[in-house]
């Protein structure tokens, strides 16, 4: 895995503030890449302090800081297999949708 360096630039820096029923939650995406298009650093996170009071409210997240690809879930961290960023981003979106489905079931 290549580390982010002076040759990498941040190409995505987005935060979506969620409304009801997930008021106070946020989706966060940051991506750095080289001029050649190689992704060198990334961070995806669903943050909601009402759901998770540890890990700065990060309910679910993926990143490659600390020199390895890993998944955060409700305060736990585990290494993951990394194929490519597009696949990982799709996995993140699917997991967030499933978490929201479960949150909605608990509210009913």
PDB file of N, CA and C in Angstrom:
ATOM      1  N   UNK A   1       0.847  -1.174   0.000  1.00  0.00           N
ATOM      2  CA  UNK A   1       0.000   0.000   0.000  1.00  0.00           C
ATOM      3  C   UNK A   1       0.886   1.228   0.000  1.00  0.00           C
ATOM      4  N   UNK A   2       0.595   2.145  -0.883  1.00  0.00           N
ATOM      5  CA  UNK A   2       1.341   3.388  -0.934  1.00  0.00           C
ATOM      6  C   UNK A   2       0.811   4.334   0.137  1.00  0.00           C
ATOM      7  N   UNK A   3       1.706   5.045   0.770  1.00  0.00           N
ATOM      8  CA  UNK A   3       1.302   6.022   1.770  1.00  0.00           C
ATOM      9  C   UNK A   3       0.995   7.347   1.086  1.00  0.00           C
ATOM     10  N   UNK A   4       0.115   8.128   1.694  1.00  0.00           N
ATOM     11  CA  UNK A   4      -0.160   9.455   1.177  1.00  0.00           C
ATOM     12  C   UNK A   4       1.114  10.276   1.292  1.00  0.00           C
ATOM     13  N   UNK A   5       1.436  10.999   0.275  1.00  0.00           N
ATOM     14  CA  UNK A   5       2.651  11.796   0.282  1.00  0.00           C
ATOM     15  C   UNK A   5       2.367  13.137  -0.362  1.00  0.00           C
ATOM     16  N   UNK A   6       3.424  13.917  -0.558  1.00  0.00           N
ATOM     17  CA  UNK A   6       3.274  15.210  -1.208  1.00  0.00           C
ATOM     18  C   UNK A   6       2.743  15.055  -2.624  1.00  0.00           C
ATOM     19  N   UNK A   7       2.923  13.874  -3.200  1.00  0.00           N
ATOM     20  CA  UNK A   7       2.453  13.625  -4.554  1.00  0.00           C
ATOM     21  C   UNK A   7       0.965  13.288  -4.609  1.00  0.00           C
ATOM     22  N   UNK A   8       0.351  13.070  -3.449  1.00  0.00           N
ATOM     23  CA  UNK A   8      -1.080  12.769  -3.381  1.00  0.00           C
ATOM     24  C   UNK A   8      -1.852  14.050  -3.076  1.00  0.00           C
ATOM     25  N   UNK A   9      -3.016  14.148  -3.696  1.00  0.00           N
ATOM     26  CA  UNK A   9      -3.882  15.289  -3.412  1.00  0.00           C
ATOM     27  C   UNK A   9      -5.250  14.777  -2.982  1.00  0.00           C
ATOM     28  N   UNK A  10      -5.903  15.547  -2.120  1.00  0.00           N
ATOM     29  CA  UNK A  10      -7.241  15.168  -1.665  1.00  0.00           C
ATOM     30  C   UNK A  10      -8.214  15.484  -2.800  1.00  0.00           C
ATOM     31  N   UNK A  11      -8.903  14.450  -3.254  1.00  0.00           N
ATOM     32  CA  UNK A  11      -9.830  14.617  -4.369  1.00  0.00           C
ATOM     33  C   UNK A  11     -11.291  14.528  -3.935  1.00  0.00           C
ATOM     34  N   UNK A  12     -11.527  13.986  -2.747  1.00  0.00           N
ATOM     35  CA  UNK A  12     -12.887  13.927  -2.194  1.00  0.00           C
ATOM     36  C   UNK A  12     -12.807  14.347  -0.738  1.00  0.00           C
ATOM     37  N   UNK A  13     -13.676  15.268  -0.344  1.00  0.00           N
ATOM     38  CA  UNK A  13     -13.765  15.735   1.038  1.00  0.00           C
ATOM     39  C   UNK A  13     -15.217  16.131   1.268  1.00  0.00           C
ATOM     40  N   UNK A  14     -16.046  15.141   1.619  1.00  0.00           N
ATOM     41  CA  UNK A  14     -17.483  15.382   1.721  1.00  0.00           C
ATOM     42  C   UNK A  14     -18.035  14.942   3.065  1.00  0.00           C
ATOM     43  N   UNK A  15     -18.930  15.747   3.588  1.00  0.00           N
ATOM     44  CA  UNK A  15     -19.676  15.399   4.791  1.00  0.00           C
ATOM     45  C   UNK A  15     -21.143  15.637   4.497  1.00  0.00           C
ATOM     46  N   UNK A  16     -21.954  14.639   4.754  1.00  0.00           N
ATOM     47  CA  UNK A  16     -23.404  14.760   4.604  1.00  0.00           C
ATOM     48  C   UNK A  16     -24.004  14.713   6.003  1.00  0.00           C
ATOM     49  N   UNK A  17     -24.701  15.763   6.378  1.00  0.00           N
ATOM     50  CA  UNK A  17     -25.376  15.807   7.675  1.00  0.00           C
ATOM     51  C   UNK A  17     -26.760  15.200   7.470  1.00  0.00           C
ATOM     52  N   UNK A  18     -27.040  14.173   8.257  1.00  0.00           N
ATOM     53  CA  UNK A  18     -28.283  13.432   8.097  1.00  0.00           C
ATOM     54  C   UNK A  18     -29.430  14.090   8.859  1.00  0.00           C
ATOM     55  N   UNK A  19     -30.620  13.962   8.302  1.00  0.00           N
ATOM     56  CA  UNK A  19     -31.827  14.485   8.933  1.00  0.00           C
ATOM     57  C   UNK A  19     -32.612  13.322   9.506  1.00  0.00           C
ATOM     58  N   UNK A  20     -33.801  13.600   9.968  1.00  0.00           N
ATOM     59  CA  UNK A  20     -34.629  12.552  10.558  1.00  0.00           C
ATOM     60  C   UNK A  20     -34.714  11.365   9.639  1.00  0.00           C
ATOM     61  N   UNK A  21     -34.718  10.170  10.105  1.00  0.00           N
ATOM     62  CA  UNK A  21     -34.747   9.813  11.519  1.00  0.00           C
ATOM     63  C   UNK A  21     -33.351   9.688  12.142  1.00  0.00           C
ATOM     64  N   UNK A  22     -32.307  10.054  11.420  1.00  0.00           N
ATOM     65  CA  UNK A  22     -30.944   9.921  11.949  1.00  0.00           C
ATOM     66  C   UNK A  22     -30.333  11.272  12.299  1.00  0.00           C
ATOM     67  N   UNK A  23     -31.151  12.145  12.829  1.00  0.00           N
ATOM     68  CA  UNK A  23     -30.712  13.502  13.188  1.00  0.00           C
ATOM     69  C   UNK A  23     -29.418  13.448  13.994  1.00  0.00           C
ATOM     70  N   UNK A  24     -28.479  14.264  13.605  1.00  0.00           N
ATOM     71  CA  UNK A  24     -27.209  14.321  14.303  1.00  0.00           C
ATOM     72  C   UNK A  24     -26.151  13.401  13.706  1.00  0.00           C
ATOM     73  N   UNK A  25     -26.570  12.492  12.846  1.00  0.00           N
ATOM     74  CA  UNK A  25     -25.622  11.591  12.200  1.00  0.00           C
ATOM     75  C   UNK A  25     -24.958  12.270  11.007  1.00  0.00           C
ATOM     76  N   UNK A  26     -23.801  11.711  10.620  1.00  0.00           N
ATOM     77  CA  UNK A  26     -23.074  12.235   9.461  1.00  0.00           C
ATOM     78  C   UNK A  26     -22.463  11.083   8.676  1.00  0.00           C
ATOM     79  N   UNK A  27     -22.403  11.255   7.373  1.00  0.00           N
ATOM     80  CA  UNK A  27     -21.622  10.380   6.510  1.00  0.00           C
ATOM     81  C   UNK A  27     -20.415  11.186   6.064  1.00  0.00           C
ATOM     82  N   UNK A  28     -19.233  10.596   6.152  1.00  0.00           N
ATOM     83  CA  UNK A  28     -17.994  11.311   5.844  1.00  0.00           C
ATOM     84  C   UNK A  28     -17.173  10.482   4.876  1.00  0.00           C
ATOM     85  N   UNK A  29     -16.657  11.130   3.815  1.00  0.00           N
ATOM     86  CA  UNK A  29     -15.777  10.469   2.847  1.00  0.00           C
ATOM     87  C   UNK A  29     -14.612  11.386   2.514  1.00  0.00           C
ATOM     88  N   UNK A  30     -13.396  10.837   2.614  1.00  0.00           N
ATOM     89  CA  UNK A  30     -12.183  11.544   2.221  1.00  0.00           C
ATOM     90  C   UNK A  30     -11.332  10.588   1.390  1.00  0.00           C
ATOM     91  N   UNK A  31     -10.794  11.089   0.280  1.00  0.00           N
ATOM     92  CA  UNK A  31      -9.965  10.266  -0.604  1.00  0.00           C
ATOM     93  C   UNK A  31      -8.809  11.109  -1.125  1.00  0.00           C
ATOM     94  N   UNK A  32      -7.609  10.530  -1.087  1.00  0.00           N
ATOM     95  CA  UNK A  32      -6.414  11.147  -1.658  1.00  0.00           C
ATOM     96  C   UNK A  32      -5.915  10.244  -2.778  1.00  0.00           C
ATOM     97  N   UNK A  33      -5.421  10.847  -3.851  1.00  0.00           N
ATOM     98  CA  UNK A  33      -4.867  10.032  -4.929  1.00  0.00           C
ATOM     99  C   UNK A  33      -3.705  10.749  -5.605  1.00  0.00           C
ATOM    100  N   UNK A  34      -2.934   9.945  -6.328  1.00  0.00           N
ATOM    101  CA  UNK A  34      -1.817  10.496  -7.100  1.00  0.00           C
ATOM    102  C   UNK A  34      -2.360  11.079  -8.401  1.00  0.00           C
ATOM    103  N   UNK A  35      -1.512  11.785  -9.110  1.00  0.00           N
ATOM    104  CA  UNK A  35      -1.927  12.317 -10.417  1.00  0.00           C
ATOM    105  C   UNK A  35      -2.257  11.192 -11.386  1.00  0.00           C
ATOM    106  N   UNK A  36      -1.677  10.027 -11.172  1.00  0.00           N
ATOM    107  CA  UNK A  36      -1.946   8.873 -12.033  1.00  0.00           C
ATOM    108  C   UNK A  36      -3.261   8.183 -11.668  1.00  0.00           C
ATOM    109  N   UNK A  37      -3.929   8.629 -10.605  1.00  0.00           N
ATOM    110  CA  UNK A  37      -5.221   8.069 -10.215  1.00  0.00           C
ATOM    111  C   UNK A  37      -5.158   6.981  -9.159  1.00  0.00           C
ATOM    112  N   UNK A  38      -3.971   6.669  -8.641  1.00  0.00           N
ATOM    113  CA  UNK A  38      -3.854   5.657  -7.593  1.00  0.00           C
ATOM    114  C   UNK A  38      -4.320   6.229  -6.259  1.00  0.00           C
ATOM    115  N   UNK A  39      -5.263   5.564  -5.627  1.00  0.00           N
ATOM    116  CA  UNK A  39      -5.746   6.006  -4.324  1.00  0.00           C
ATOM    117  C   UNK A  39      -4.722   5.601  -3.276  1.00  0.00           C
ATOM    118  N   UNK A  40      -4.244   6.588  -2.539  1.00  0.00           N
ATOM    119  CA  UNK A  40      -3.199   6.350  -1.547  1.00  0.00           C
ATOM    120  C   UNK A  40      -3.721   6.392  -0.119  1.00  0.00           C
ATOM    121  N   UNK A  41      -4.840   7.069   0.084  1.00  0.00           N
ATOM    122  CA  UNK A  41      -5.396   7.202   1.430  1.00  0.00           C
ATOM    123  C   UNK A  41      -6.898   7.406   1.292  1.00  0.00           C
ATOM    124  N   UNK A  42      -7.661   6.835   2.241  1.00  0.00           N
ATOM    125  CA  UNK A  42      -9.108   7.007   2.213  1.00  0.00           C
ATOM    126  C   UNK A  42      -9.677   6.863   3.618  1.00  0.00           C
ATOM    127  N   UNK A  43     -10.855   7.405   3.786  1.00  0.00           N
ATOM    128  CA  UNK A  43     -11.591   7.261   5.033  1.00  0.00           C
ATOM    129  C   UNK A  43     -13.082   7.380   4.718  1.00  0.00           C
ATOM    130  N   UNK A  44     -13.832   6.386   5.133  1.00  0.00           N
ATOM    131  CA  UNK A  44     -15.285   6.380   5.011  1.00  0.00           C
ATOM    132  C   UNK A  44     -15.855   6.201   6.408  1.00  0.00           C
ATOM    133  N   UNK A  45     -16.873   6.975   6.773  1.00  0.00           N
ATOM    134  CA  UNK A  45     -17.409   6.832   8.126  1.00  0.00           C
ATOM    135  C   UNK A  45     -18.880   7.215   8.198  1.00  0.00           C
ATOM    136  N   UNK A  46     -19.610   6.426   8.985  1.00  0.00           N
ATOM    137  CA  UNK A  46     -20.956   6.784   9.432  1.00  0.00           C
ATOM    138  C   UNK A  46     -20.791   7.113  10.900  1.00  0.00           C
ATOM    139  N   UNK A  47     -21.073   8.358  11.257  1.00  0.00           N
ATOM    140  CA  UNK A  47     -20.866   8.859  12.616  1.00  0.00           C
ATOM    141  C   UNK A  47     -22.219   9.267  13.191  1.00  0.00           C
ATOM    142  N   UNK A  48     -22.524   8.739  14.367  1.00  0.00           N
ATOM    143  CA  UNK A  48     -23.760   9.122  15.039  1.00  0.00           C
ATOM    144  C   UNK A  48     -23.589   8.833  16.528  1.00  0.00           C
ATOM    145  N   UNK A  49     -23.364   9.880  17.307  1.00  0.00           N
ATOM    146  CA  UNK A  49     -23.121   9.722  18.746  1.00  0.00           C
ATOM    147  C   UNK A  49     -24.342   9.208  19.507  1.00  0.00           C
ATOM    148  N   UNK A  50     -25.521   9.308  18.908  1.00  0.00           N
ATOM    149  CA  UNK A  50     -26.708   8.752  19.555  1.00  0.00           C
ATOM    150  C   UNK A  50     -26.730   7.231  19.449  1.00  0.00           C
ATOM    151  N   UNK A  51     -26.034   6.687  18.454  1.00  0.00           N
ATOM    152  CA  UNK A  51     -25.978   5.242  18.234  1.00  0.00           C
ATOM    153  C   UNK A  51     -24.729   4.639  18.875  1.00  0.00           C
ATOM    154  N   UNK A  52     -23.606   5.369  18.796  1.00  0.00           N
ATOM    155  CA  UNK A  52     -22.321   4.842  19.289  1.00  0.00           C
ATOM    156  C   UNK A  52     -21.612   5.937  20.100  1.00  0.00           C
ATOM    157  N   UNK A  53     -21.358   5.662  21.356  1.00  0.00           N
ATOM    158  CA  UNK A  53     -20.734   6.660  22.221  1.00  0.00           C
ATOM    159  C   UNK A  53     -19.216   6.491  22.327  1.00  0.00           C
ATOM    160  N   UNK A  54     -18.631   5.544  21.619  1.00  0.00           N
ATOM    161  CA  UNK A  54     -17.175   5.340  21.621  1.00  0.00           C
ATOM    162  C   UNK A  54     -16.624   5.674  20.238  1.00  0.00           C
ATOM    163  N   UNK A  55     -15.294   5.724  20.115  1.00  0.00           N
ATOM    164  CA  UNK A  55     -14.621   5.956  18.827  1.00  0.00           C
ATOM    165  C   UNK A  55     -15.140   7.230  18.150  1.00  0.00           C
ATOM    166  N   UNK A  56     -15.316   8.284  18.951  1.00  0.00           N
ATOM    167  CA  UNK A  56     -15.795   9.572  18.449  1.00  0.00           C
ATOM    168  C   UNK A  56     -17.128   9.470  17.715  1.00  0.00           C
ATOM    169  N   UNK A  57     -17.954   8.518  18.123  1.00  0.00           N
ATOM    170  CA  UNK A  57     -19.277   8.368  17.531  1.00  0.00           C
ATOM    171  C   UNK A  57     -19.293   7.578  16.231  1.00  0.00           C
ATOM    172  N   UNK A  58     -18.155   7.009  15.854  1.00  0.00           N
ATOM    173  CA  UNK A  58     -18.087   6.275  14.583  1.00  0.00           C
ATOM    174  C   UNK A  58     -18.796   4.931  14.742  1.00  0.00           C
ATOM    175  N   UNK A  59     -19.941   4.819  14.101  1.00  0.00           N
ATOM    176  CA  UNK A  59     -20.708   3.581  14.112  1.00  0.00           C
ATOM    177  C   UNK A  59     -20.026   2.564  13.197  1.00  0.00           C
ATOM    178  N   UNK A  60     -19.684   3.020  11.994  1.00  0.00           N
ATOM    179  CA  UNK A  60     -19.054   2.170  10.987  1.00  0.00           C
ATOM    180  C   UNK A  60     -18.056   3.008  10.214  1.00  0.00           C
ATOM    181  N   UNK A  61     -16.911   2.439   9.912  1.00  0.00           N
ATOM    182  CA  UNK A  61     -15.936   3.169   9.115  1.00  0.00           C
ATOM    183  C   UNK A  61     -14.901   2.249   8.504  1.00  0.00           C
ATOM    184  N   UNK A  62     -14.303   2.731   7.439  1.00  0.00           N
ATOM    185  CA  UNK A  62     -13.195   2.041   6.788  1.00  0.00           C
ATOM    186  C   UNK A  62     -12.116   3.072   6.504  1.00  0.00           C
ATOM    187  N   UNK A  63     -10.867   2.701   6.723  1.00  0.00           N
ATOM    188  CA  UNK A  63      -9.761   3.573   6.343  1.00  0.00           C
ATOM    189  C   UNK A  63      -8.478   2.768   6.241  1.00  0.00           C
ATOM    190  N   UNK A  64      -7.436   3.437   5.760  1.00  0.00           N
ATOM    191  CA  UNK A  64      -6.136   2.769   5.635  1.00  0.00           C
ATOM    192  C   UNK A  64      -5.049   3.540   6.367  1.00  0.00           C
ATOM    193  N   UNK A  65      -5.433   4.222   7.423  1.00  0.00           N
ATOM    194  CA  UNK A  65      -4.416   4.877   8.245  1.00  0.00           C
ATOM    195  C   UNK A  65      -3.664   3.805   9.038  1.00  0.00           C
ATOM    196  N   UNK A  66      -2.583   4.164   9.623  1.00  0.00           N
ATOM    197  CA  UNK A  66      -1.756   3.239  10.415  1.00  0.00           C
ATOM    198  C   UNK A  66      -1.194   2.097   9.567  1.00  0.00           C
ATOM    199  N   UNK A  67      -1.053   2.340   8.262  1.00  0.00           N
ATOM    200  CA  UNK A  67      -0.396   1.405   7.334  1.00  0.00           C
ATOM    201  C   UNK A  67      -1.126   0.084   7.106  1.00  0.00           C
ATOM    202  N   UNK A  68      -2.434   0.055   7.349  1.00  0.00           N
ATOM    203  CA  UNK A  68      -3.187  -1.144   6.965  1.00  0.00           C
ATOM    204  C   UNK A  68      -4.655  -0.779   6.746  1.00  0.00           C
ATOM    205  N   UNK A  69      -5.334  -1.594   5.944  1.00  0.00           N
ATOM    206  CA  UNK A  69      -6.750  -1.399   5.664  1.00  0.00           C
ATOM    207  C   UNK A  69      -7.543  -2.031   6.801  1.00  0.00           C
ATOM    208  N   UNK A  70      -8.499  -1.268   7.345  1.00  0.00           N
ATOM    209  CA  UNK A  70      -9.257  -1.798   8.465  1.00  0.00           C
ATOM    210  C   UNK A  70     -10.664  -1.226   8.537  1.00  0.00           C
ATOM    211  N   UNK A  71     -11.480  -1.942   9.319  1.00  0.00           N
ATOM    212  CA  UNK A  71     -12.894  -1.609   9.504  1.00  0.00           C
ATOM    213  C   UNK A  71     -13.118  -1.277  10.972  1.00  0.00           C
ATOM    214  N   UNK A  72     -13.853  -0.198  11.201  1.00  0.00           N
ATOM    215  CA  UNK A  72     -14.282   0.189  12.542  1.00  0.00           C
ATOM    216  C   UNK A  72     -15.767  -0.141  12.648  1.00  0.00           C
ATOM    217  N   UNK A  73     -16.162  -0.728  13.766  1.00  0.00           N
ATOM    218  CA  UNK A  73     -17.575  -0.949  14.016  1.00  0.00           C
ATOM    219  C   UNK A  73     -17.829  -0.862  15.512  1.00  0.00           C
ATOM    220  N   UNK A  74     -18.570   0.159  15.907  1.00  0.00           N
ATOM    221  CA  UNK A  74     -18.997   0.341  17.294  1.00  0.00           C
ATOM    222  C   UNK A  74     -17.838   0.202  18.285  1.00  0.00           C
ATOM    223  N   UNK A  75     -16.686   0.783  17.963  1.00  0.00           N
ATOM    224  CA  UNK A  75     -15.548   0.777  18.870  1.00  0.00           C
ATOM    225  C   UNK A  75     -14.538  -0.319  18.632  1.00  0.00           C
ATOM    226  N   UNK A  76     -14.869  -1.298  17.801  1.00  0.00           N
ATOM    227  CA  UNK A  76     -13.937  -2.383  17.488  1.00  0.00           C
ATOM    228  C   UNK A  76     -13.235  -2.080  16.163  1.00  0.00           C
ATOM    229  N   UNK A  77     -12.024  -2.600  16.020  1.00  0.00           N
ATOM    230  CA  UNK A  77     -11.262  -2.422  14.783  1.00  0.00           C
ATOM    231  C   UNK A  77     -10.751  -3.781  14.343  1.00  0.00           C
ATOM    232  N   UNK A  78     -10.898  -4.071  13.043  1.00  0.00           N
ATOM    233  CA  UNK A  78     -10.387  -5.325  12.504  1.00  0.00           C
ATOM    234  C   UNK A  78      -9.791  -5.086  11.126  1.00  0.00           C
ATOM    235  N   UNK A  79      -8.716  -5.795  10.817  1.00  0.00           N
ATOM    236  CA  UNK A  79      -8.086  -5.710   9.502  1.00  0.00           C
ATOM    237  C   UNK A  79      -9.035  -6.301   8.462  1.00  0.00           C
ATOM    238  N   UNK A  80      -8.967  -5.782   7.237  1.00  0.00           N
ATOM    239  CA  UNK A  80      -9.809  -6.285   6.150  1.00  0.00           C
ATOM    240  C   UNK A  80      -8.955  -6.548   4.920  1.00  0.00           C
ATOM    241  N   UNK A  81      -9.496  -7.376   4.033  1.00  0.00           N
ATOM    242  CA  UNK A  81      -8.900  -7.572   2.715  1.00  0.00           C
ATOM    243  C   UNK A  81      -9.333  -6.390   1.854  1.00  0.00           C
ATOM    244  N   UNK A  82      -8.392  -5.814   1.119  1.00  0.00           N
ATOM    245  CA  UNK A  82      -8.698  -4.663   0.275  1.00  0.00           C
ATOM    246  C   UNK A  82      -8.491  -5.049  -1.173  1.00  0.00           C
ATOM    247  N   UNK A  83      -9.569  -4.978  -1.968  1.00  0.00           N
ATOM    248  CA  UNK A  83      -9.482  -5.255  -3.400  1.00  0.00           C
ATOM    249  C   UNK A  83      -9.239  -3.952  -4.158  1.00  0.00           C
ATOM    250  N   UNK A  84     -10.176  -3.017  -3.992  1.00  0.00           N
ATOM    251  CA  UNK A  84     -10.060  -1.694  -4.603  1.00  0.00           C
ATOM    252  C   UNK A  84     -11.038  -0.758  -3.899  1.00  0.00           C
ATOM    253  N   UNK A  85     -10.846   0.531  -4.103  1.00  0.00           N
ATOM    254  CA  UNK A  85     -11.658   1.510  -3.386  1.00  0.00           C
ATOM    255  C   UNK A  85     -13.135   1.439  -3.799  1.00  0.00           C
ATOM    256  N   UNK A  86     -13.412   1.272  -5.073  1.00  0.00           N
ATOM    257  CA  UNK A  86     -14.803   1.232  -5.535  1.00  0.00           C
ATOM    258  C   UNK A  86     -15.570   0.103  -4.854  1.00  0.00           C
ATOM    259  N   UNK A  87     -14.955  -1.070  -4.751  1.00  0.00           N
ATOM    260  CA  UNK A  87     -15.608  -2.201  -4.086  1.00  0.00           C
ATOM    261  C   UNK A  87     -15.827  -1.918  -2.611  1.00  0.00           C
ATOM    262  N   UNK A  88     -14.834  -1.309  -1.982  1.00  0.00           N
ATOM    263  CA  UNK A  88     -14.947  -0.993  -0.562  1.00  0.00           C
ATOM    264  C   UNK A  88     -16.034   0.051  -0.318  1.00  0.00           C
ATOM    265  N   UNK A  89     -16.097   1.080  -1.160  1.00  0.00           N
ATOM    266  CA  UNK A  89     -17.125   2.117  -1.007  1.00  0.00           C
ATOM    267  C   UNK A  89     -18.515   1.513  -1.177  1.00  0.00           C
ATOM    268  N   UNK A  90     -18.675   0.580  -2.117  1.00  0.00           N
ATOM    269  CA  UNK A  90     -19.965  -0.087  -2.305  1.00  0.00           C
ATOM    270  C   UNK A  90     -20.313  -0.915  -1.070  1.00  0.00           C
ATOM    271  N   UNK A  91     -19.333  -1.623  -0.522  1.00  0.00           N
ATOM    272  CA  UNK A  91     -19.549  -2.418   0.697  1.00  0.00           C
ATOM    273  C   UNK A  91     -19.982  -1.506   1.845  1.00  0.00           C
ATOM    274  N   UNK A  92     -19.321  -0.367   1.994  1.00  0.00           N
ATOM    275  CA  UNK A  92     -19.665   0.595   3.042  1.00  0.00           C
ATOM    276  C   UNK A  92     -21.116   1.049   2.889  1.00  0.00           C
ATOM    277  N   UNK A  93     -21.512   1.450   1.675  1.00  0.00           N
ATOM    278  CA  UNK A  93     -22.882   1.913   1.453  1.00  0.00           C
ATOM    279  C   UNK A  93     -23.900   0.820   1.782  1.00  0.00           C
ATOM    280  N   UNK A  94     -23.609  -0.420   1.376  1.00  0.00           N
ATOM    281  CA  UNK A  94     -24.520  -1.523   1.671  1.00  0.00           C
ATOM    282  C   UNK A  94     -24.644  -1.752   3.181  1.00  0.00           C
ATOM    283  N   UNK A  95     -23.519  -1.695   3.884  1.00  0.00           N
ATOM    284  CA  UNK A  95     -23.556  -1.902   5.335  1.00  0.00           C
ATOM    285  C   UNK A  95     -24.307  -0.773   6.044  1.00  0.00           C
ATOM    286  N   UNK A  96     -24.126   0.448   5.582  1.00  0.00           N
ATOM    287  CA  UNK A  96     -24.847   1.582   6.180  1.00  0.00           C
ATOM    288  C   UNK A  96     -26.344   1.400   5.962  1.00  0.00           C
ATOM    289  N   UNK A  97     -26.757   1.021   4.758  1.00  0.00           N
ATOM    290  CA  UNK A  97     -28.184   0.798   4.483  1.00  0.00           C
ATOM    291  C   UNK A  97     -28.751  -0.284   5.395  1.00  0.00           C
ATOM    292  N   UNK A  98     -27.977  -1.349   5.617  1.00  0.00           N
ATOM    293  CA  UNK A  98     -28.426  -2.430   6.499  1.00  0.00           C
ATOM    294  C   UNK A  98     -28.531  -1.939   7.951  1.00  0.00           C
ATOM    295  N   UNK A  99     -27.567  -1.139   8.396  1.00  0.00           N
ATOM    296  CA  UNK A  99     -27.635  -0.566   9.751  1.00  0.00           C
ATOM    297  C   UNK A  99     -28.872   0.305   9.904  1.00  0.00           C
ATOM    298  N   UNK A 100     -29.156   1.122   8.897  1.00  0.00           N
ATOM    299  CA  UNK A 100     -30.335   1.983   8.964  1.00  0.00           C
ATOM    300  C   UNK A 100     -31.617   1.165   8.972  1.00  0.00           C
ATOM    301  N   UNK A 101     -31.645   0.069   8.201  1.00  0.00           N
ATOM    302  CA  UNK A 101     -32.822  -0.792   8.200  1.00  0.00           C
ATOM    303  C   UNK A 101     -33.058  -1.343   9.609  1.00  0.00           C
ATOM    304  N   UNK A 102     -31.981  -1.783  10.266  1.00  0.00           N
ATOM    305  CA  UNK A 102     -32.095  -2.318  11.625  1.00  0.00           C
ATOM    306  C   UNK A 102     -32.499  -1.231  12.622  1.00  0.00           C
ATOM    307  N   UNK A 103     -31.939  -0.021  12.457  1.00  0.00           N
ATOM    308  CA  UNK A 103     -32.318   1.084  13.343  1.00  0.00           C
ATOM    309  C   UNK A 103     -33.812   1.384  13.186  1.00  0.00           C
ATOM    310  N   UNK A 104     -34.294   1.370  11.943  1.00  0.00           N
ATOM    311  CA  UNK A 104     -35.706   1.657  11.683  1.00  0.00           C
ATOM    312  C   UNK A 104     -36.608   0.582  12.293  1.00  0.00           C
ATOM    313  N   UNK A 105     -36.169  -0.682  12.239  1.00  0.00           N
ATOM    314  CA  UNK A 105     -36.955  -1.771  12.835  1.00  0.00           C
ATOM    315  C   UNK A 105     -37.061  -1.594  14.347  1.00  0.00           C
ATOM    316  N   UNK A 106     -35.961  -1.149  14.972  1.00  0.00           N
ATOM    317  CA  UNK A 106     -35.979  -0.942  16.417  1.00  0.00           C
ATOM    318  C   UNK A 106     -36.891   0.216  16.803  1.00  0.00           C
ATOM    319  N   UNK A 107     -37.008   1.196  15.934  1.00  0.00           N
ATOM    320  CA  UNK A 107     -37.864   2.358  16.213  1.00  0.00           C
ATOM    321  C   UNK A 107     -39.343   2.002  16.090  1.00  0.00           C
ATOM    322  N   UNK A 108     -39.653   0.992  15.276  1.00  0.00           N
ATOM    323  CA  UNK A 108     -41.076   0.634  15.018  1.00  0.00           C
ATOM    324  C   UNK A 108     -41.690  -0.073  16.202  1.00  0.00           C
TER     325      UNK A 108
END
